[in-house]
N, C-alpha and C. Protein backbone atom coordinates (compact mmCIF):
# COMPACT_ATOMS: atom_id res chain seq x y z
N MET A 1 79.86 -1.08 77.38
CA MET A 1 80.90 -0.02 77.60
C MET A 1 81.73 -0.35 78.80
N ILE A 2 83.12 0.19 78.57
CA ILE A 2 84.08 -0.12 79.50
C ILE A 2 84.08 1.07 80.54
N THR A 3 83.94 0.71 81.72
CA THR A 3 84.02 1.85 82.77
C THR A 3 85.27 2.00 83.54
N VAL A 4 85.92 3.16 83.36
CA VAL A 4 87.22 3.40 84.03
C VAL A 4 87.05 4.28 85.39
N PHE A 5 87.44 3.70 86.41
CA PHE A 5 87.32 4.36 87.68
C PHE A 5 88.67 4.88 88.01
N TYR A 6 88.84 6.23 88.16
CA TYR A 6 90.15 6.76 88.47
C TYR A 6 90.06 7.84 89.47
N ASP A 7 91.23 8.29 90.13
CA ASP A 7 91.41 9.22 91.17
C ASP A 7 91.77 10.57 90.44
N GLY A 8 90.75 11.33 90.36
CA GLY A 8 90.79 12.67 89.78
C GLY A 8 91.56 13.74 90.52
N LYS A 9 91.89 13.39 91.76
CA LYS A 9 92.80 14.48 92.54
C LYS A 9 94.11 14.16 92.39
N CYS A 10 94.49 13.06 91.75
CA CYS A 10 95.82 12.74 91.50
C CYS A 10 96.14 13.38 90.10
N GLY A 11 97.31 14.41 90.19
CA GLY A 11 97.63 14.99 88.87
C GLY A 11 98.10 14.21 87.74
N LEU A 12 98.91 13.13 88.19
CA LEU A 12 99.45 12.26 87.10
C LEU A 12 98.34 11.40 86.51
N CYS A 13 97.40 10.92 87.44
CA CYS A 13 96.20 10.12 87.02
C CYS A 13 95.32 10.91 86.10
N ARG A 14 95.05 12.14 86.46
CA ARG A 14 94.15 12.90 85.65
C ARG A 14 94.81 13.38 84.31
N ARG A 15 96.04 13.60 84.29
CA ARG A 15 96.73 13.83 82.81
C ARG A 15 96.79 12.58 81.98
N GLU A 16 96.94 11.36 82.59
CA GLU A 16 96.78 10.12 81.85
C GLU A 16 95.47 9.82 81.30
N ILE A 17 94.58 9.94 82.22
CA ILE A 17 93.21 9.65 81.74
C ILE A 17 92.71 10.65 80.67
N ALA A 18 93.24 12.04 80.84
CA ALA A 18 92.68 12.95 79.91
C ALA A 18 93.47 12.52 78.53
N HIS A 19 94.55 12.11 78.48
CA HIS A 19 95.25 11.65 77.16
C HIS A 19 94.39 10.61 76.62
N TYR A 20 94.08 9.60 77.43
CA TYR A 20 93.14 8.32 76.89
C TYR A 20 91.96 8.96 76.28
N ILE A 21 91.33 9.77 77.05
CA ILE A 21 90.09 10.39 76.68
C ILE A 21 90.15 11.04 75.28
N ARG A 22 91.28 11.80 75.01
CA ARG A 22 91.55 12.53 73.72
C ARG A 22 91.68 11.40 72.53
N ILE A 23 92.23 10.26 72.86
CA ILE A 23 92.74 9.31 71.83
C ILE A 23 91.75 8.16 71.62
N ALA A 24 90.79 8.05 72.73
CA ALA A 24 89.91 6.96 72.53
C ALA A 24 88.72 7.12 71.72
N PRO A 25 88.49 5.95 71.00
CA PRO A 25 87.19 5.99 69.99
C PRO A 25 85.97 6.26 70.83
N GLN A 26 85.06 6.92 70.18
CA GLN A 26 83.85 7.40 70.83
C GLN A 26 83.03 6.18 71.39
N ALA A 27 82.23 6.30 72.49
CA ALA A 27 81.26 5.26 72.94
C ALA A 27 81.76 3.91 73.33
N ILE A 28 83.15 4.03 73.77
CA ILE A 28 83.76 2.61 74.24
C ILE A 28 83.90 2.75 75.76
N PHE A 29 84.28 3.87 76.22
CA PHE A 29 84.56 4.11 77.65
C PHE A 29 83.55 5.20 78.48
N GLU A 30 83.41 4.77 79.68
CA GLU A 30 82.84 5.73 80.49
C GLU A 30 83.95 6.05 81.49
N TRP A 31 84.19 7.36 81.77
CA TRP A 31 85.40 7.67 82.57
C TRP A 31 84.80 8.28 83.78
N VAL A 32 84.95 7.66 85.03
CA VAL A 32 84.50 8.15 86.23
C VAL A 32 85.50 8.57 87.24
N ASP A 33 85.56 9.83 87.75
CA ASP A 33 86.36 10.22 88.66
C ASP A 33 85.68 9.95 89.85
N ILE A 34 86.27 8.94 90.69
CA ILE A 34 85.66 8.45 91.94
C ILE A 34 85.82 9.63 93.11
N THR A 35 86.58 10.57 92.86
CA THR A 35 86.69 11.71 93.94
C THR A 35 85.53 12.59 93.62
N VAL A 36 84.74 12.67 92.54
CA VAL A 36 83.60 13.32 92.31
C VAL A 36 82.30 12.62 92.47
N THR A 37 82.32 11.54 91.94
CA THR A 37 81.08 10.47 92.06
C THR A 37 81.41 9.14 92.66
N PRO A 38 81.77 9.02 93.84
CA PRO A 38 82.23 7.79 94.49
C PRO A 38 81.04 6.76 94.42
N GLU A 39 79.89 7.12 94.46
CA GLU A 39 78.77 6.32 94.62
C GLU A 39 78.68 5.29 93.38
N SER A 40 79.17 5.79 92.21
CA SER A 40 79.23 4.93 91.03
C SER A 40 80.18 3.63 91.28
N PHE A 41 81.05 3.85 92.13
CA PHE A 41 82.06 2.77 92.45
C PHE A 41 81.66 2.11 93.63
N THR A 42 81.07 2.69 94.78
CA THR A 42 80.69 1.96 95.83
C THR A 42 79.47 1.16 95.77
N THR A 43 78.66 1.51 94.79
CA THR A 43 77.39 0.67 94.56
C THR A 43 77.79 -0.58 93.93
N LEU A 44 79.09 -0.64 93.36
CA LEU A 44 79.42 -2.04 92.84
C LEU A 44 80.06 -2.99 93.99
N GLY A 45 79.96 -2.30 95.17
CA GLY A 45 80.49 -3.20 96.30
C GLY A 45 81.98 -2.81 96.66
N HIS A 46 82.48 -1.76 96.10
CA HIS A 46 83.87 -1.37 96.33
C HIS A 46 84.03 -0.21 97.29
N ALA A 47 85.19 -0.32 97.99
CA ALA A 47 85.43 0.89 99.02
C ALA A 47 86.18 1.92 98.20
N VAL A 48 85.75 3.22 98.50
CA VAL A 48 86.53 4.26 97.83
C VAL A 48 87.91 4.23 97.97
N ASN A 49 88.38 3.81 99.09
CA ASN A 49 89.97 3.83 99.32
C ASN A 49 90.57 2.87 98.35
N ASP A 50 89.93 1.71 98.09
CA ASP A 50 90.41 0.83 97.06
C ASP A 50 90.57 1.40 95.75
N GLY A 51 89.61 2.16 95.38
CA GLY A 51 89.68 2.82 94.04
C GLY A 51 90.78 3.97 94.01
N LEU A 52 90.93 4.61 95.14
CA LEU A 52 92.00 5.47 95.18
C LEU A 52 93.47 4.96 95.12
N LYS A 53 93.46 3.62 95.66
CA LYS A 53 94.96 3.10 95.61
C LYS A 53 95.22 2.63 94.30
N ALA A 54 94.26 2.17 93.47
CA ALA A 54 94.61 1.74 92.21
C ALA A 54 93.47 1.92 91.12
N LEU A 55 93.95 1.93 89.98
CA LEU A 55 93.01 1.99 88.80
C LEU A 55 92.07 0.78 88.69
N HIS A 56 90.73 1.09 88.63
CA HIS A 56 89.77 -0.08 88.38
C HIS A 56 89.10 0.08 87.04
N VAL A 57 88.93 -0.94 86.30
CA VAL A 57 88.40 -0.89 84.98
C VAL A 57 87.37 -2.03 84.88
N ARG A 58 86.26 -1.58 84.67
CA ARG A 58 85.04 -2.77 84.62
C ARG A 58 84.84 -3.06 83.06
N ASP A 59 85.00 -4.08 82.63
CA ASP A 59 84.84 -4.42 81.21
C ASP A 59 83.44 -4.84 80.80
N THR A 60 83.05 -4.94 79.58
CA THR A 60 81.59 -5.06 79.08
C THR A 60 81.07 -6.09 79.77
N ALA A 61 81.62 -7.25 80.15
CA ALA A 61 81.10 -8.35 80.76
C ALA A 61 80.82 -8.23 82.36
N GLY A 62 81.32 -7.05 82.79
CA GLY A 62 81.11 -6.66 84.23
C GLY A 62 82.35 -7.14 85.15
N THR A 63 83.41 -7.62 84.55
CA THR A 63 84.48 -8.12 85.31
C THR A 63 85.38 -6.81 85.56
N MET A 64 85.87 -6.76 86.84
CA MET A 64 86.69 -5.66 87.39
C MET A 64 88.18 -6.08 87.25
N HIS A 65 88.86 -5.21 86.53
CA HIS A 65 90.28 -5.38 86.43
C HIS A 65 91.02 -4.33 87.06
N VAL A 66 91.94 -4.69 87.95
CA VAL A 66 92.69 -3.68 88.94
C VAL A 66 93.98 -3.51 88.52
N GLY A 67 94.59 -2.29 88.57
CA GLY A 67 96.04 -2.02 88.38
C GLY A 67 96.37 -2.20 87.07
N VAL A 68 97.56 -2.97 86.65
CA VAL A 68 97.94 -3.25 85.38
C VAL A 68 96.95 -3.73 84.52
N ALA A 69 96.12 -4.89 84.96
CA ALA A 69 95.03 -5.59 84.30
C ALA A 69 94.03 -4.44 83.73
N GLY A 70 93.81 -3.35 84.58
CA GLY A 70 92.95 -2.37 84.10
C GLY A 70 93.69 -1.50 82.97
N PHE A 71 94.85 -1.24 83.12
CA PHE A 71 95.55 -0.54 82.05
C PHE A 71 95.54 -1.34 80.87
N ILE A 72 95.79 -2.74 80.79
CA ILE A 72 95.81 -3.51 79.68
C ILE A 72 94.32 -3.37 79.02
N THR A 73 93.30 -3.56 79.77
CA THR A 73 91.94 -3.48 79.24
C THR A 73 91.72 -2.08 78.45
N ILE A 74 92.31 -0.92 78.91
CA ILE A 74 92.11 0.27 78.26
C ILE A 74 92.88 0.19 76.90
N TRP A 75 94.13 -0.21 77.13
CA TRP A 75 95.15 -0.16 75.93
C TRP A 75 94.67 -1.05 74.87
N GLN A 76 93.99 -2.23 75.21
CA GLN A 76 93.45 -3.02 74.15
C GLN A 76 92.50 -2.41 73.26
N GLN A 77 91.78 -1.27 73.71
CA GLN A 77 90.85 -0.63 72.88
C GLN A 77 91.39 0.66 72.13
N LEU A 78 92.64 0.80 72.32
CA LEU A 78 93.37 2.10 71.64
C LEU A 78 94.28 1.55 70.65
N PRO A 79 94.02 2.08 69.33
CA PRO A 79 94.82 1.47 68.21
C PRO A 79 96.33 1.45 68.32
N ARG A 80 96.97 2.52 68.87
CA ARG A 80 98.49 2.59 68.91
C ARG A 80 98.99 1.92 70.20
N TRP A 81 98.07 1.57 71.00
CA TRP A 81 98.47 1.08 72.48
C TRP A 81 98.32 -0.53 72.45
N ARG A 82 97.60 -1.13 71.51
CA ARG A 82 97.30 -2.64 71.52
C ARG A 82 98.66 -3.35 71.73
N MET A 83 99.79 -2.93 70.99
CA MET A 83 100.92 -3.75 71.16
C MET A 83 101.57 -3.75 72.61
N LEU A 84 101.36 -2.55 73.21
CA LEU A 84 101.91 -2.44 74.67
C LEU A 84 100.92 -3.28 75.56
N ALA A 85 99.62 -3.45 75.20
CA ALA A 85 98.89 -4.24 75.90
C ALA A 85 99.09 -5.73 75.85
N TRP A 86 99.57 -6.19 74.70
CA TRP A 86 99.96 -7.63 74.46
C TRP A 86 101.20 -7.72 75.20
N LEU A 87 102.15 -6.74 75.04
CA LEU A 87 103.47 -7.01 75.68
C LEU A 87 103.46 -7.10 77.12
N VAL A 88 102.69 -6.06 77.79
CA VAL A 88 102.62 -6.09 79.24
C VAL A 88 101.76 -7.31 79.73
N GLY A 89 101.02 -7.86 78.97
CA GLY A 89 100.08 -9.16 79.21
C GLY A 89 100.71 -10.31 79.23
N LEU A 90 102.08 -10.30 78.67
CA LEU A 90 102.78 -11.58 78.64
C LEU A 90 103.00 -12.26 79.99
N PRO A 91 103.05 -13.47 80.17
CA PRO A 91 103.12 -14.01 81.41
C PRO A 91 104.38 -13.69 82.22
N ILE A 92 105.37 -13.40 81.52
CA ILE A 92 106.67 -13.06 82.35
C ILE A 92 106.79 -11.62 82.63
N ILE A 93 106.17 -10.74 81.95
CA ILE A 93 106.16 -9.36 82.15
C ILE A 93 104.95 -8.84 83.00
N SER A 94 103.69 -9.48 82.96
CA SER A 94 102.60 -9.06 83.74
C SER A 94 102.85 -8.97 85.24
N PRO A 95 103.36 -10.08 85.75
CA PRO A 95 103.51 -10.07 87.26
C PRO A 95 104.51 -9.00 87.75
N VAL A 96 105.62 -8.80 86.94
CA VAL A 96 106.53 -7.87 87.25
C VAL A 96 106.01 -6.45 87.19
N ALA A 97 105.13 -6.06 86.11
CA ALA A 97 104.67 -4.93 85.86
C ALA A 97 103.62 -4.62 87.02
N GLN A 98 102.85 -5.67 87.37
CA GLN A 98 101.97 -5.41 88.54
C GLN A 98 102.65 -5.10 89.96
N ARG A 99 103.69 -5.84 90.23
CA ARG A 99 104.37 -5.57 91.40
C ARG A 99 104.96 -4.04 91.43
N LEU A 100 105.46 -3.62 90.31
CA LEU A 100 105.96 -2.22 90.20
C LEU A 100 104.86 -1.21 90.21
N TYR A 101 103.72 -1.56 89.57
CA TYR A 101 102.45 -0.64 89.68
C TYR A 101 102.05 -0.63 91.10
N SER A 102 101.94 -1.76 91.81
CA SER A 102 101.49 -1.76 93.15
C SER A 102 102.46 -0.95 94.04
N ALA A 103 103.71 -1.08 93.88
CA ALA A 103 104.66 -0.42 94.76
C ALA A 103 104.39 1.31 94.42
N PHE A 104 104.37 1.62 93.25
CA PHE A 104 104.05 2.94 92.83
C PHE A 104 102.76 3.55 93.37
N ALA A 105 101.60 2.62 93.27
CA ALA A 105 100.39 3.09 93.66
C ALA A 105 100.34 3.15 95.23
N ALA A 106 100.90 2.46 95.93
CA ALA A 106 101.10 2.69 97.43
C ALA A 106 101.87 3.92 97.80
N TRP A 107 102.88 4.16 97.24
CA TRP A 107 103.56 5.37 97.41
C TRP A 107 102.82 6.52 97.02
N ARG A 108 102.14 6.65 95.95
CA ARG A 108 101.20 7.68 95.52
C ARG A 108 100.14 7.94 96.49
N PHE A 109 99.54 6.77 96.81
CA PHE A 109 98.43 6.99 97.93
C PHE A 109 98.95 7.55 99.09
N LYS A 110 100.08 7.14 99.57
CA LYS A 110 100.72 7.80 100.88
C LYS A 110 100.92 9.23 100.58
N LYS A 111 101.67 9.59 99.57
CA LYS A 111 102.19 10.90 99.26
C LYS A 111 100.87 11.84 99.05
N LEU A 112 99.79 11.40 98.68
CA LEU A 112 98.48 12.25 98.57
C LEU A 112 97.86 12.43 99.84
N GLY A 113 98.32 11.66 100.86
CA GLY A 113 97.82 11.75 102.26
C GLY A 113 96.59 11.05 102.36
N TYR A 114 96.27 10.01 101.47
CA TYR A 114 94.93 9.20 101.64
C TYR A 114 95.25 8.27 102.79
N GLY A 115 94.10 7.82 103.53
CA GLY A 115 94.24 6.90 104.52
C GLY A 115 94.91 7.34 105.76
N THR A 116 95.19 8.66 105.99
CA THR A 116 95.69 9.20 107.15
C THR A 116 94.57 9.93 107.81
N CYS A 117 94.69 9.95 109.23
CA CYS A 117 93.63 10.71 110.02
C CYS A 117 94.14 12.05 110.45
N GLU A 118 93.39 13.12 110.01
CA GLU A 118 93.92 14.41 110.51
C GLU A 118 92.96 14.77 111.66
N LEU A 119 93.56 15.31 112.72
CA LEU A 119 92.88 15.87 113.89
C LEU A 119 92.94 17.28 114.00
């Protein structure tokens, strides 16, 4: 089973995961909202904030894929998305996509107010 760890408090993330849930074949994915069940992520040795900063996907071999690599892992299992997985996985495109995703993820993390201290 492929486990997808996502931020359920992020509206964009929630909508995108809901779309994948609707189109995914049965019994391939386990979808884990780490804002509801953080222990399923932290027991693997990861900090909740890391999971809130970027998508994390654990494949069937137990390897964790973060960011774009996580999306590629999901897309490889979705019939109409496999070509996108292949394209984004190309050596020239993948690093650029990861940089863009990392910049977006950092902006989203800050916009949602994560990592800030409220007194």
